[in-house]
Amino acid sequence: MRVLEGILSDRGSRYAVAGGPCRSSEEARDFVKALKRRKKFARATHNSWAVLTEDGPIKNDDGEAGAGMTILRMLERDGVRDHIVVVTRWFGGTPLGGDRFRHVQTAVRAYLDARAEGGG
């Protein structure tokens, strides 16, 4: 599991991103459960995620409507399969409107870039 914290913050909301190998919805649930063992992530407002598996795409918005699809589209565009990406948001009290999608994209891009550099 690779976790990148402090990706960005805007109007009090903070973002992190995590990812790792994942081949099924069961593995995805286990991955998110393992991430939430870190108290900080368990207390997050949203842990939105997506993964492209052999059986098809799987996503979960975790209350951040549209975030899972945003992550999924980026994974599809980059051809990343069998690898879950989770974008975590701690809500800062001010709604971000459409900016939240740009922030999800920024977090996913940071993760994919770090993954490419690290060979994972």
PDB file of N, CA and C in Angstrom:
ATOM      1  N   MET A   1       0.850  -1.183   0.000  1.00  0.00           N
ATOM      2  CA  MET A   1       0.000   0.000   0.000  1.00  0.00           C
ATOM      3  C   MET A   1       0.890   1.238   0.000  1.00  0.00           C
ATOM      4  N   ARG A   2       0.640   2.084  -0.961  1.00  0.00           N
ATOM      5  CA  ARG A   2       1.353   3.366  -1.025  1.00  0.00           C
ATOM      6  C   ARG A   2       0.364   4.458  -0.652  1.00  0.00           C
ATOM      7  N   VAL A   3       0.765   5.326   0.270  1.00  0.00           N
ATOM      8  CA  VAL A   3      -0.091   6.423   0.724  1.00  0.00           C
ATOM      9  C   VAL A   3       0.659   7.732   0.540  1.00  0.00           C
ATOM     10  N   LEU A   4       0.017   8.683  -0.117  1.00  0.00           N
ATOM     11  CA  LEU A   4       0.578  10.024  -0.288  1.00  0.00           C
ATOM     12  C   LEU A   4      -0.339  10.996   0.448  1.00  0.00           C
ATOM     13  N   GLU A   5       0.169  11.573   1.512  1.00  0.00           N
ATOM     14  CA  GLU A   5      -0.636  12.503   2.305  1.00  0.00           C
ATOM     15  C   GLU A   5      -0.306  13.939   1.915  1.00  0.00           C
ATOM     16  N   GLY A   6      -1.181  14.846   2.294  1.00  0.00           N
ATOM     17  CA  GLY A   6      -0.931  16.265   2.060  1.00  0.00           C
ATOM     18  C   GLY A   6      -0.863  16.633   0.594  1.00  0.00           C
ATOM     19  N   ILE A   7      -1.642  15.959  -0.244  1.00  0.00           N
ATOM     20  CA  ILE A   7      -1.637  16.236  -1.684  1.00  0.00           C
ATOM     21  C   ILE A   7      -2.038  17.681  -1.939  1.00  0.00           C
ATOM     22  N   LEU A   8      -3.113  18.126  -1.307  1.00  0.00           N
ATOM     23  CA  LEU A   8      -3.537  19.519  -1.439  1.00  0.00           C
ATOM     24  C   LEU A   8      -4.563  19.837  -0.379  1.00  0.00           C
ATOM     25  N   SER A   9      -4.773  21.119  -0.185  1.00  0.00           N
ATOM     26  CA  SER A   9      -5.857  21.541   0.701  1.00  0.00           C
ATOM     27  C   SER A   9      -6.483  22.789   0.103  1.00  0.00           C
ATOM     28  N   ASP A  10      -7.795  22.920   0.332  1.00  0.00           N
ATOM     29  CA  ASP A  10      -8.560  24.027  -0.242  1.00  0.00           C
ATOM     30  C   ASP A  10      -9.735  24.320   0.687  1.00  0.00           C
ATOM     31  N   ARG A  11      -9.819  25.554   1.150  1.00  0.00           N
ATOM     32  CA  ARG A  11     -10.914  26.005   2.011  1.00  0.00           C
ATOM     33  C   ARG A  11     -11.140  25.058   3.190  1.00  0.00           C
ATOM     34  N   GLY A  12     -10.046  24.580   3.735  1.00  0.00           N
ATOM     35  CA  GLY A  12     -10.110  23.723   4.908  1.00  0.00           C
ATOM     36  C   GLY A  12     -10.160  22.233   4.618  1.00  0.00           C
ATOM     37  N   SER A  13     -10.598  21.847   3.423  1.00  0.00           N
ATOM     38  CA  SER A  13     -10.612  20.428   3.057  1.00  0.00           C
ATOM     39  C   SER A  13      -9.196  19.980   2.725  1.00  0.00           C
ATOM     40  N   ARG A  14      -8.857  18.771   3.169  1.00  0.00           N
ATOM     41  CA  ARG A  14      -7.532  18.215   2.888  1.00  0.00           C
ATOM     42  C   ARG A  14      -7.687  16.900   2.141  1.00  0.00           C
ATOM     43  N   TYR A  15      -6.715  16.594   1.281  1.00  0.00           N
ATOM     44  CA  TYR A  15      -6.769  15.398   0.447  1.00  0.00           C
ATOM     45  C   TYR A  15      -5.511  14.555   0.603  1.00  0.00           C
ATOM     46  N   ALA A  16      -5.716  13.246   0.505  1.00  0.00           N
ATOM     47  CA  ALA A  16      -4.631  12.274   0.441  1.00  0.00           C
ATOM     48  C   ALA A  16      -5.052  11.243  -0.606  1.00  0.00           C
ATOM     49  N   VAL A  17      -4.100  10.421  -1.028  1.00  0.00           N
ATOM     50  CA  VAL A  17      -4.404   9.374  -2.003  1.00  0.00           C
ATOM     51  C   VAL A  17      -3.589   8.136  -1.646  1.00  0.00           C
ATOM     52  N   ALA A  18      -4.187   6.980  -1.881  1.00  0.00           N
ATOM     53  CA  ALA A  18      -3.518   5.713  -1.600  1.00  0.00           C
ATOM     54  C   ALA A  18      -3.851   4.737  -2.713  1.00  0.00           C
ATOM     55  N   GLY A  19      -3.053   3.686  -2.815  1.00  0.00           N
ATOM     56  CA  GLY A  19      -3.340   2.672  -3.822  1.00  0.00           C
ATOM     57  C   GLY A  19      -2.497   1.436  -3.621  1.00  0.00           C
ATOM     58  N   GLY A  20      -2.846   0.425  -4.381  1.00  0.00           N
ATOM     59  CA  GLY A  20      -2.109  -0.828  -4.331  1.00  0.00           C
ATOM     60  C   GLY A  20      -2.774  -1.874  -5.210  1.00  0.00           C
ATOM     61  N   PRO A  21      -2.146  -3.037  -5.323  1.00  0.00           N
ATOM     62  CA  PRO A  21      -2.703  -4.116  -6.139  1.00  0.00           C
ATOM     63  C   PRO A  21      -4.090  -4.531  -5.656  1.00  0.00           C
ATOM     64  N   CYS A  22      -4.967  -4.823  -6.611  1.00  0.00           N
ATOM     65  CA  CYS A  22      -6.343  -5.189  -6.272  1.00  0.00           C
ATOM     66  C   CYS A  22      -6.965  -5.860  -7.492  1.00  0.00           C
ATOM     67  N   ARG A  23      -7.542  -7.045  -7.307  1.00  0.00           N
ATOM     68  CA  ARG A  23      -8.104  -7.792  -8.433  1.00  0.00           C
ATOM     69  C   ARG A  23      -9.590  -8.106  -8.322  1.00  0.00           C
ATOM     70  N   SER A  24     -10.241  -7.663  -7.235  1.00  0.00           N
ATOM     71  CA  SER A  24     -11.660  -8.001  -7.059  1.00  0.00           C
ATOM     72  C   SER A  24     -12.320  -7.016  -6.101  1.00  0.00           C
ATOM     73  N   SER A  25     -13.651  -7.077  -6.049  1.00  0.00           N
ATOM     74  CA  SER A  25     -14.367  -6.204  -5.112  1.00  0.00           C
ATOM     75  C   SER A  25     -14.026  -6.588  -3.674  1.00  0.00           C
ATOM     76  N   GLU A  26     -13.805  -7.878  -3.420  1.00  0.00           N
ATOM     77  CA  GLU A  26     -13.427  -8.310  -2.076  1.00  0.00           C
ATOM     78  C   GLU A  26     -12.069  -7.729  -1.683  1.00  0.00           C
ATOM     79  N   GLU A  27     -11.108  -7.785  -2.595  1.00  0.00           N
ATOM     80  CA  GLU A  27      -9.791  -7.197  -2.314  1.00  0.00           C
ATOM     81  C   GLU A  27      -9.903  -5.690  -2.131  1.00  0.00           C
ATOM     82  N   ALA A  28     -10.803  -5.043  -2.872  1.00  0.00           N
ATOM     83  CA  ALA A  28     -11.003  -3.597  -2.732  1.00  0.00           C
ATOM     84  C   ALA A  28     -11.527  -3.275  -1.336  1.00  0.00           C
ATOM     85  N   ARG A  29     -12.523  -4.024  -0.885  1.00  0.00           N
ATOM     86  CA  ARG A  29     -13.054  -3.811   0.467  1.00  0.00           C
ATOM     87  C   ARG A  29     -11.965  -4.022   1.518  1.00  0.00           C
ATOM     88  N   ASP A  30     -11.156  -5.069   1.330  1.00  0.00           N
ATOM     89  CA  ASP A  30     -10.062  -5.347   2.274  1.00  0.00           C
ATOM     90  C   ASP A  30      -9.035  -4.218   2.272  1.00  0.00           C
ATOM     91  N   PHE A  31      -8.747  -3.671   1.087  1.00  0.00           N
ATOM     92  CA  PHE A  31      -7.781  -2.584   0.973  1.00  0.00           C
ATOM     93  C   PHE A  31      -8.268  -1.355   1.736  1.00  0.00           C
ATOM     94  N   VAL A  32      -9.530  -0.981   1.516  1.00  0.00           N
ATOM     95  CA  VAL A  32     -10.083   0.199   2.192  1.00  0.00           C
ATOM     96  C   VAL A  32     -10.139  -0.042   3.701  1.00  0.00           C
ATOM     97  N   LYS A  33     -10.483  -1.255   4.100  1.00  0.00           N
ATOM     98  CA  LYS A  33     -10.518  -1.596   5.523  1.00  0.00           C
ATOM     99  C   LYS A  33      -9.113  -1.446   6.133  1.00  0.00           C
ATOM    100  N   ALA A  34      -8.097  -1.901   5.422  1.00  0.00           N
ATOM    101  CA  ALA A  34      -6.712  -1.776   5.906  1.00  0.00           C
ATOM    102  C   ALA A  34      -6.303  -0.306   5.998  1.00  0.00           C
ATOM    103  N   LEU A  35      -6.705   0.492   5.004  1.00  0.00           N
ATOM    104  CA  LEU A  35      -6.396   1.927   5.028  1.00  0.00           C
ATOM    105  C   LEU A  35      -7.054   2.579   6.245  1.00  0.00           C
ATOM    106  N   LYS A  36      -8.290   2.189   6.537  1.00  0.00           N
ATOM    107  CA  LYS A  36      -9.031   2.790   7.648  1.00  0.00           C
ATOM    108  C   LYS A  36      -8.540   2.316   9.017  1.00  0.00           C
ATOM    109  N   ARG A  37      -7.642   1.358   9.038  1.00  0.00           N
ATOM    110  CA  ARG A  37      -7.028   0.979  10.319  1.00  0.00           C
ATOM    111  C   ARG A  37      -6.147   2.115  10.832  1.00  0.00           C
ATOM    112  N   ARG A  38      -5.762   2.982   9.934  1.00  0.00           N
ATOM    113  CA  ARG A  38      -5.069   4.209  10.325  1.00  0.00           C
ATOM    114  C   ARG A  38      -6.169   5.167  10.772  1.00  0.00           C
ATOM    115  N   LYS A  39      -6.160   5.521  12.054  1.00  0.00           N
ATOM    116  CA  LYS A  39      -7.255   6.319  12.622  1.00  0.00           C
ATOM    117  C   LYS A  39      -7.552   7.570  11.809  1.00  0.00           C
ATOM    118  N   LYS A  40      -6.520   8.186  11.313  1.00  0.00           N
ATOM    119  CA  LYS A  40      -6.688   9.405  10.529  1.00  0.00           C
ATOM    120  C   LYS A  40      -7.620   9.158   9.334  1.00  0.00           C
ATOM    121  N   PHE A  41      -7.433   8.033   8.655  1.00  0.00           N
ATOM    122  CA  PHE A  41      -8.241   7.727   7.474  1.00  0.00           C
ATOM    123  C   PHE A  41      -9.633   7.238   7.870  1.00  0.00           C
ATOM    124  N   ALA A  42      -9.733   6.588   9.006  1.00  0.00           N
ATOM    125  CA  ALA A  42     -11.043   6.149   9.493  1.00  0.00           C
ATOM    126  C   ALA A  42     -11.926   7.347   9.807  1.00  0.00           C
ATOM    127  N   ARG A  43     -11.314   8.457  10.217  1.00  0.00           N
ATOM    128  CA  ARG A  43     -12.076   9.665  10.559  1.00  0.00           C
ATOM    129  C   ARG A  43     -12.330  10.574   9.354  1.00  0.00           C
ATOM    130  N   ALA A  44     -11.828  10.206   8.186  1.00  0.00           N
ATOM    131  CA  ALA A  44     -12.020  11.037   6.991  1.00  0.00           C
ATOM    132  C   ALA A  44     -13.496  11.099   6.615  1.00  0.00           C
ATOM    133  N   THR A  45     -13.868  12.173   5.966  1.00  0.00           N
ATOM    134  CA  THR A  45     -15.240  12.343   5.512  1.00  0.00           C
ATOM    135  C   THR A  45     -15.553  11.393   4.358  1.00  0.00           C
ATOM    136  N   HIS A  46     -14.600  11.234   3.432  1.00  0.00           N
ATOM    137  CA  HIS A  46     -14.804  10.379   2.251  1.00  0.00           C
ATOM    138  C   HIS A  46     -13.527   9.604   1.944  1.00  0.00           C
ATOM    139  N   ASN A  47     -13.698   8.326   1.610  1.00  0.00           N
ATOM    140  CA  ASN A  47     -12.634   7.502   1.042  1.00  0.00           C
ATOM    141  C   ASN A  47     -13.201   6.925  -0.255  1.00  0.00           C
ATOM    142  N   SER A  48     -13.127   7.707  -1.324  1.00  0.00           N
ATOM    143  CA  SER A  48     -13.680   7.322  -2.619  1.00  0.00           C
ATOM    144  C   SER A  48     -12.637   6.511  -3.374  1.00  0.00           C
ATOM    145  N   TRP A  49     -13.083   5.487  -4.113  1.00  0.00           N
ATOM    146  CA  TRP A  49     -12.105   4.641  -4.779  1.00  0.00           C
ATOM    147  C   TRP A  49     -12.652   4.032  -6.070  1.00  0.00           C
ATOM    148  N   ALA A  50     -11.707   3.499  -6.865  1.00  0.00           N
ATOM    149  CA  ALA A  50     -12.066   2.784  -8.083  1.00  0.00           C
ATOM    150  C   ALA A  50     -10.939   1.826  -8.439  1.00  0.00           C
ATOM    151  N   VAL A  51     -11.323   0.788  -9.186  1.00  0.00           N
ATOM    152  CA  VAL A  51     -10.353  -0.203  -9.679  1.00  0.00           C
ATOM    153  C   VAL A  51     -10.917  -0.827 -10.950  1.00  0.00           C
ATOM    154  N   LEU A  52     -10.041  -1.106 -11.919  1.00  0.00           N
ATOM    155  CA  LEU A  52     -10.418  -1.829 -13.133  1.00  0.00           C
ATOM    156  C   LEU A  52      -9.941  -3.268 -12.970  1.00  0.00           C
ATOM    157  N   THR A  53     -10.885  -4.201 -12.898  1.00  0.00           N
ATOM    158  CA  THR A  53     -10.524  -5.606 -12.745  1.00  0.00           C
ATOM    159  C   THR A  53     -10.848  -6.366 -14.032  1.00  0.00           C
ATOM    160  N   GLU A  54     -10.437  -7.615 -14.067  1.00  0.00           N
ATOM    161  CA  GLU A  54     -10.744  -8.477 -15.206  1.00  0.00           C
ATOM    162  C   GLU A  54     -12.252  -8.602 -15.393  1.00  0.00           C
ATOM    163  N   ASP A  55     -12.989  -8.553 -14.284  1.00  0.00           N
ATOM    164  CA  ASP A  55     -14.448  -8.660 -14.334  1.00  0.00           C
ATOM    165  C   ASP A  55     -15.150  -7.341 -14.630  1.00  0.00           C
ATOM    166  N   GLY A  56     -14.385  -6.270 -14.746  1.00  0.00           N
ATOM    167  CA  GLY A  56     -14.961  -4.977 -15.049  1.00  0.00           C
ATOM    168  C   GLY A  56     -14.613  -3.928 -14.014  1.00  0.00           C
ATOM    169  N   PRO A  57     -15.139  -2.712 -14.211  1.00  0.00           N
ATOM    170  CA  PRO A  57     -14.837  -1.620 -13.292  1.00  0.00           C
ATOM    171  C   PRO A  57     -15.644  -1.726 -12.003  1.00  0.00           C
ATOM    172  N   ILE A  58     -15.013  -1.314 -10.896  1.00  0.00           N
ATOM    173  CA  ILE A  58     -15.676  -1.253  -9.596  1.00  0.00           C
ATOM    174  C   ILE A  58     -15.342   0.111  -9.004  1.00  0.00           C
ATOM    175  N   LYS A  59     -16.344   0.776  -8.435  1.00  0.00           N
ATOM    176  CA  LYS A  59     -16.089   2.089  -7.841  1.00  0.00           C
ATOM    177  C   LYS A  59     -16.992   2.309  -6.647  1.00  0.00           C
ATOM    178  N   ASN A  60     -16.592   3.239  -5.791  1.00  0.00           N
ATOM    179  CA  ASN A  60     -17.397   3.608  -4.631  1.00  0.00           C
ATOM    180  C   ASN A  60     -17.131   5.075  -4.327  1.00  0.00           C
ATOM    181  N   ASP A  61     -18.195   5.876  -4.308  1.00  0.00           N
ATOM    182  CA  ASP A  61     -18.066   7.315  -4.046  1.00  0.00           C
ATOM    183  C   ASP A  61     -17.889   7.629  -2.565  1.00  0.00           C
ATOM    184  N   ASP A  62     -18.345   6.760  -1.687  1.00  0.00           N
ATOM    185  CA  ASP A  62     -18.311   6.981  -0.238  1.00  0.00           C
ATOM    186  C   ASP A  62     -18.858   8.367   0.125  1.00  0.00           C
ATOM    187  N   GLY A  63     -19.988   8.712  -0.488  1.00  0.00           N
ATOM    188  CA  GLY A  63     -20.655   9.971  -0.163  1.00  0.00           C
ATOM    189  C   GLY A  63     -20.178  11.188  -0.942  1.00  0.00           C
ATOM    190  N   GLU A  64     -19.124  11.042  -1.718  1.00  0.00           N
ATOM    191  CA  GLU A  64     -18.593  12.148  -2.535  1.00  0.00           C
ATOM    192  C   GLU A  64     -19.054  11.895  -3.967  1.00  0.00           C
ATOM    193  N   ALA A  65     -20.327  12.236  -4.247  1.00  0.00           N
ATOM    194  CA  ALA A  65     -20.969  11.899  -5.515  1.00  0.00           C
ATOM    195  C   ALA A  65     -20.096  12.221  -6.723  1.00  0.00           C
ATOM    196  N   GLY A  66     -19.864  11.206  -7.548  1.00  0.00           N
ATOM    197  CA  GLY A  66     -19.096  11.370  -8.778  1.00  0.00           C
ATOM    198  C   GLY A  66     -17.610  11.133  -8.640  1.00  0.00           C
ATOM    199  N   ALA A  67     -17.099  11.040  -7.429  1.00  0.00           N
ATOM    200  CA  ALA A  67     -15.653  10.893  -7.236  1.00  0.00           C
ATOM    201  C   ALA A  67     -15.150   9.549  -7.753  1.00  0.00           C
ATOM    202  N   GLY A  68     -15.903   8.473  -7.496  1.00  0.00           N
ATOM    203  CA  GLY A  68     -15.483   7.154  -7.963  1.00  0.00           C
ATOM    204  C   GLY A  68     -15.370   7.110  -9.480  1.00  0.00           C
ATOM    205  N   MET A  69     -16.325   7.713 -10.173  1.00  0.00           N
ATOM    206  CA  MET A  69     -16.285   7.737 -11.640  1.00  0.00           C
ATOM    207  C   MET A  69     -15.103   8.567 -12.142  1.00  0.00           C
ATOM    208  N   THR A  70     -14.792   9.658 -11.466  1.00  0.00           N
ATOM    209  CA  THR A  70     -13.644  10.478 -11.837  1.00  0.00           C
ATOM    210  C   THR A  70     -12.358   9.657 -11.743  1.00  0.00           C
ATOM    211  N   ILE A  71     -12.208   8.909 -10.650  1.00  0.00           N
ATOM    212  CA  ILE A  71     -11.029   8.060 -10.468  1.00  0.00           C
ATOM    213  C   ILE A  71     -11.001   6.986 -11.553  1.00  0.00           C
ATOM    214  N   LEU A  72     -12.133   6.350 -11.784  1.00  0.00           N
ATOM    215  CA  LEU A  72     -12.233   5.273 -12.769  1.00  0.00           C
ATOM    216  C   LEU A  72     -11.834   5.748 -14.159  1.00  0.00           C
ATOM    217  N   ARG A  73     -12.314   6.907 -14.558  1.00  0.00           N
ATOM    218  CA  ARG A  73     -11.969   7.442 -15.891  1.00  0.00           C
ATOM    219  C   ARG A  73     -10.467   7.651 -16.034  1.00  0.00           C
ATOM    220  N   MET A  74      -9.839   8.118 -14.972  1.00  0.00           N
ATOM    221  CA  MET A  74      -8.391   8.339 -15.039  1.00  0.00           C
ATOM    222  C   MET A  74      -7.638   7.017 -15.124  1.00  0.00           C
ATOM    223  N   LEU A  75      -8.103   6.000 -14.404  1.00  0.00           N
ATOM    224  CA  LEU A  75      -7.474   4.678 -14.490  1.00  0.00           C
ATOM    225  C   LEU A  75      -7.640   4.108 -15.896  1.00  0.00           C
ATOM    226  N   GLU A  76      -8.835   4.269 -16.461  1.00  0.00           N
ATOM    227  CA  GLU A  76      -9.082   3.793 -17.831  1.00  0.00           C
ATOM    228  C   GLU A  76      -8.175   4.500 -18.822  1.00  0.00           C
ATOM    229  N   ARG A  77      -8.075   5.822 -18.695  1.00  0.00           N
ATOM    230  CA  ARG A  77      -7.245   6.612 -19.605  1.00  0.00           C
ATOM    231  C   ARG A  77      -5.781   6.184 -19.565  1.00  0.00           C
ATOM    232  N   ASP A  78      -5.304   5.857 -18.363  1.00  0.00           N
ATOM    233  CA  ASP A  78      -3.898   5.470 -18.206  1.00  0.00           C
ATOM    234  C   ASP A  78      -3.683   3.964 -18.371  1.00  0.00           C
ATOM    235  N   GLY A  79      -4.766   3.215 -18.588  1.00  0.00           N
ATOM    236  CA  GLY A  79      -4.648   1.771 -18.763  1.00  0.00           C
ATOM    237  C   GLY A  79      -4.173   1.045 -17.513  1.00  0.00           C
ATOM    238  N   VAL A  80      -4.554   1.545 -16.344  1.00  0.00           N
ATOM    239  CA  VAL A  80      -4.138   0.942 -15.077  1.00  0.00           C
ATOM    240  C   VAL A  80      -5.182  -0.087 -14.659  1.00  0.00           C
ATOM    241  N   ARG A  81      -4.769  -1.352 -14.629  1.00  0.00           N
ATOM    242  CA  ARG A  81      -5.676  -2.443 -14.274  1.00  0.00           C
ATOM    243  C   ARG A  81      -5.196  -3.130 -13.003  1.00  0.00           C
ATOM    244  N   ASP A  82      -6.153  -3.724 -12.295  1.00  0.00           N
ATOM    245  CA  ASP A  82      -5.848  -4.495 -11.088  1.00  0.00           C
ATOM    246  C   ASP A  82      -5.048  -3.692 -10.073  1.00  0.00           C
ATOM    247  N   HIS A  83      -5.415  -2.418  -9.943  1.00  0.00           N
ATOM    248  CA  HIS A  83      -4.732  -1.517  -9.010  1.00  0.00           C
ATOM    249  C   HIS A  83      -5.766  -0.505  -8.508  1.00  0.00           C
ATOM    250  N   ILE A  84      -6.061  -0.558  -7.209  1.00  0.00           N
ATOM    251  CA  ILE A  84      -7.045   0.354  -6.624  1.00  0.00           C
ATOM    252  C   ILE A  84      -6.401   1.704  -6.313  1.00  0.00           C
ATOM    253  N   VAL A  85      -7.173   2.767  -6.506  1.00  0.00           N
ATOM    254  CA  VAL A  85      -6.763   4.106  -6.085  1.00  0.00           C
ATOM    255  C   VAL A  85      -7.875   4.668  -5.216  1.00  0.00           C
ATOM    256  N   VAL A  86      -7.500   5.128  -4.025  1.00  0.00           N
ATOM    257  CA  VAL A  86      -8.439   5.681  -3.047  1.00  0.00           C
ATOM    258  C   VAL A  86      -8.079   7.148  -2.809  1.00  0.00           C
ATOM    259  N   VAL A  87      -9.034   8.039  -3.032  1.00  0.00           N
ATOM    260  CA  VAL A  87      -8.838   9.456  -2.732  1.00  0.00           C
ATOM    261  C   VAL A  87      -9.594   9.758  -1.443  1.00  0.00           C
ATOM    262  N   THR A  88      -8.864  10.264  -0.464  1.00  0.00           N
ATOM    263  CA  THR A  88      -9.434  10.568   0.843  1.00  0.00           C
ATOM    264  C   THR A  88      -9.585  12.072   0.988  1.00  0.00           C
ATOM    265  N   ARG A  89     -10.750  12.476   1.520  1.00  0.00           N
ATOM    266  CA  ARG A  89     -11.003  13.900   1.777  1.00  0.00           C
ATOM    267  C   ARG A  89     -11.488  14.076   3.209  1.00  0.00           C
ATOM    268  N   TRP A  90     -10.865  15.028   3.865  1.00  0.00           N
ATOM    269  CA  TRP A  90     -11.340  15.485   5.167  1.00  0.00           C
ATOM    270  C   TRP A  90     -12.019  16.818   4.899  1.00  0.00           C
ATOM    271  N   PHE A  91     -13.328  16.874   5.055  1.00  0.00           N
ATOM    272  CA  PHE A  91     -14.117  18.076   4.759  1.00  0.00           C
ATOM    273  C   PHE A  91     -13.762  19.187   5.724  1.00  0.00           C
ATOM    274  N   GLY A  92     -13.537  20.370   5.170  1.00  0.00           N
ATOM    275  CA  GLY A  92     -13.118  21.505   5.986  1.00  0.00           C
ATOM    276  C   GLY A  92     -14.213  22.477   6.364  1.00  0.00           C
ATOM    277  N   GLY A  93     -15.480  22.161   6.028  1.00  0.00           N
ATOM    278  CA  GLY A  93     -16.573  23.026   6.436  1.00  0.00           C
ATOM    279  C   GLY A  93     -17.128  23.905   5.337  1.00  0.00           C
ATOM    280  N   THR A  94     -16.410  24.056   4.241  1.00  0.00           N
ATOM    281  CA  THR A  94     -16.882  24.886   3.130  1.00  0.00           C
ATOM    282  C   THR A  94     -17.070  24.009   1.896  1.00  0.00           C
ATOM    283  N   PRO A  95     -18.278  23.970   1.313  1.00  0.00           N
ATOM    284  CA  PRO A  95     -18.484  23.190   0.095  1.00  0.00           C
ATOM    285  C   PRO A  95     -17.563  23.694  -1.027  1.00  0.00           C
ATOM    286  N   LEU A  96     -17.025  22.754  -1.805  1.00  0.00           N
ATOM    287  CA  LEU A  96     -16.070  23.101  -2.862  1.00  0.00           C
ATOM    288  C   LEU A  96     -16.692  23.130  -4.247  1.00  0.00           C
ATOM    289  N   GLY A  97     -17.953  22.704  -4.359  1.00  0.00           N
ATOM    290  CA  GLY A  97     -18.596  22.680  -5.671  1.00  0.00           C
ATOM    291  C   GLY A  97     -17.805  21.831  -6.643  1.00  0.00           C
ATOM    292  N   GLY A  98     -17.717  22.287  -7.883  1.00  0.00           N
ATOM    293  CA  GLY A  98     -17.011  21.552  -8.934  1.00  0.00           C
ATOM    294  C   GLY A  98     -15.520  21.419  -8.705  1.00  0.00           C
ATOM    295  N   ASP A  99     -14.954  22.272  -7.859  1.00  0.00           N
ATOM    296  CA  ASP A  99     -13.515  22.178  -7.588  1.00  0.00           C
ATOM    297  C   ASP A  99     -13.143  20.817  -6.994  1.00  0.00           C
ATOM    298  N   ARG A 100     -14.103  20.179  -6.317  1.00  0.00           N
ATOM    299  CA  ARG A 100     -13.772  18.890  -5.690  1.00  0.00           C
ATOM    300  C   ARG A 100     -13.380  17.858  -6.739  1.00  0.00           C
ATOM    301  N   PHE A 101     -13.942  17.927  -7.944  1.00  0.00           N
ATOM    302  CA  PHE A 101     -13.564  16.980  -8.995  1.00  0.00           C
ATOM    303  C   PHE A 101     -12.146  17.244  -9.487  1.00  0.00           C
ATOM    304  N   ARG A 102     -11.794  18.511  -9.592  1.00  0.00           N
ATOM    305  CA  ARG A 102     -10.412  18.846  -9.980  1.00  0.00           C
ATOM    306  C   ARG A 102      -9.437  18.358  -8.914  1.00  0.00           C
ATOM    307  N   HIS A 103      -9.837  18.457  -7.664  1.00  0.00           N
ATOM    308  CA  HIS A 103      -8.966  18.001  -6.576  1.00  0.00           C
ATOM    309  C   HIS A 103      -8.809  16.478  -6.585  1.00  0.00           C
ATOM    310  N   VAL A 104      -9.884  15.774  -6.877  1.00  0.00           N
ATOM    311  CA  VAL A 104      -9.791  14.313  -7.007  1.00  0.00           C
ATOM    312  C   VAL A 104      -8.834  13.979  -8.146  1.00  0.00           C
ATOM    313  N   GLN A 105      -8.959  14.682  -9.270  1.00  0.00           N
ATOM    314  CA  GLN A 105      -8.060  14.452 -10.405  1.00  0.00           C
ATOM    315  C   GLN A 105      -6.607  14.740 -10.028  1.00  0.00           C
ATOM    316  N   THR A 106      -6.376  15.816  -9.304  1.00  0.00           N
ATOM    317  CA  THR A 106      -5.020  16.165  -8.869  1.00  0.00           C
ATOM    318  C   THR A 106      -4.437  15.063  -7.992  1.00  0.00           C
ATOM    319  N   ALA A 107      -5.252  14.544  -7.082  1.00  0.00           N
ATOM    320  CA  ALA A 107      -4.784  13.485  -6.187  1.00  0.00           C
ATOM    321  C   ALA A 107      -4.463  12.212  -6.965  1.00  0.00           C
ATOM    322  N   VAL A 108      -5.346  11.826  -7.878  1.00  0.00           N
ATOM    323  CA  VAL A 108      -5.109  10.616  -8.679  1.00  0.00           C
ATOM    324  C   VAL A 108      -3.866  10.791  -9.538  1.00  0.00           C
ATOM    325  N   ARG A 109      -3.712  11.957 -10.148  1.00  0.00           N
ATOM    326  CA  ARG A 109      -2.535  12.201 -11.002  1.00  0.00           C
ATOM    327  C   ARG A 109      -1.258  12.103 -10.173  1.00  0.00           C
ATOM    328  N   ALA A 110      -1.267  12.659  -8.972  1.00  0.00           N
ATOM    329  CA  ALA A 110      -0.090  12.575  -8.094  1.00  0.00           C
ATOM    330  C   ALA A 110       0.247  11.117  -7.803  1.00  0.00           C
ATOM    331  N   TYR A 111      -0.780  10.312  -7.554  1.00  0.00           N
ATOM    332  CA  TYR A 111      -0.555   8.900  -7.262  1.00  0.00           C
ATOM    333  C   TYR A 111      -0.002   8.174  -8.489  1.00  0.00           C
ATOM    334  N   LEU A 112      -0.638   8.375  -9.642  1.00  0.00           N
ATOM    335  CA  LEU A 112      -0.194   7.685 -10.857  1.00  0.00           C
ATOM    336  C   LEU A 112       1.214   8.088 -11.243  1.00  0.00           C
ATOM    337  N   ASP A 113       1.551   9.361 -11.065  1.00  0.00           N
ATOM    338  CA  ASP A 113       2.918   9.816 -11.348  1.00  0.00           C
ATOM    339  C   ASP A 113       3.921   9.167 -10.398  1.00  0.00           C
ATOM    340  N   ALA A 114       3.585   9.115  -9.121  1.00  0.00           N
ATOM    341  CA  ALA A 114       4.478   8.502  -8.125  1.00  0.00           C
ATOM    342  C   ALA A 114       4.620   7.001  -8.418  1.00  0.00           C
ATOM    343  N   ARG A 115       3.545   6.386  -8.812  1.00  0.00           N
ATOM    344  CA  ARG A 115       3.563   4.948  -9.143  1.00  0.00           C
ATOM    345  C   ARG A 115       4.465   4.696 -10.345  1.00  0.00           C
ATOM    346  N   ALA A 116       4.367   5.552 -11.362  1.00  0.00           N
ATOM    347  CA  ALA A 116       5.193   5.398 -12.554  1.00  0.00           C
ATOM    348  C   ALA A 116       6.678   5.585 -12.219  1.00  0.00           C
ATOM    349  N   GLU A 117       6.957   6.568 -11.377  1.00  0.00           N
ATOM    350  CA  GLU A 117       8.352   6.826 -10.986  1.00  0.00           C
ATOM    351  C   GLU A 117       8.911   5.696 -10.146  1.00  0.00           C
ATOM    352  N   GLY A 118       8.035   5.096  -9.312  1.00  0.00           N
ATOM    353  CA  GLY A 118       8.480   4.045  -8.414  1.00  0.00           C
ATOM    354  C   GLY A 118       8.408   2.655  -9.021  1.00  0.00           C
ATOM    355  N   GLY A 119       7.898   2.564 -10.249  1.00  0.00           N
ATOM    356  CA  GLY A 119       7.827   1.279 -10.918  1.00  0.00           C
ATOM    357  C   GLY A 119       6.753   0.364 -10.376  1.00  0.00           C
ATOM    358  N   GLY A 120       5.793   0.883  -9.579  1.00  0.00           N
ATOM    359  CA  GLY A 120       4.756   0.028  -9.002  1.00  0.00           C
ATOM    360  C   GLY A 120       3.552   0.057  -9.770  1.00  0.00           C
TER     361      GLY A 120
END
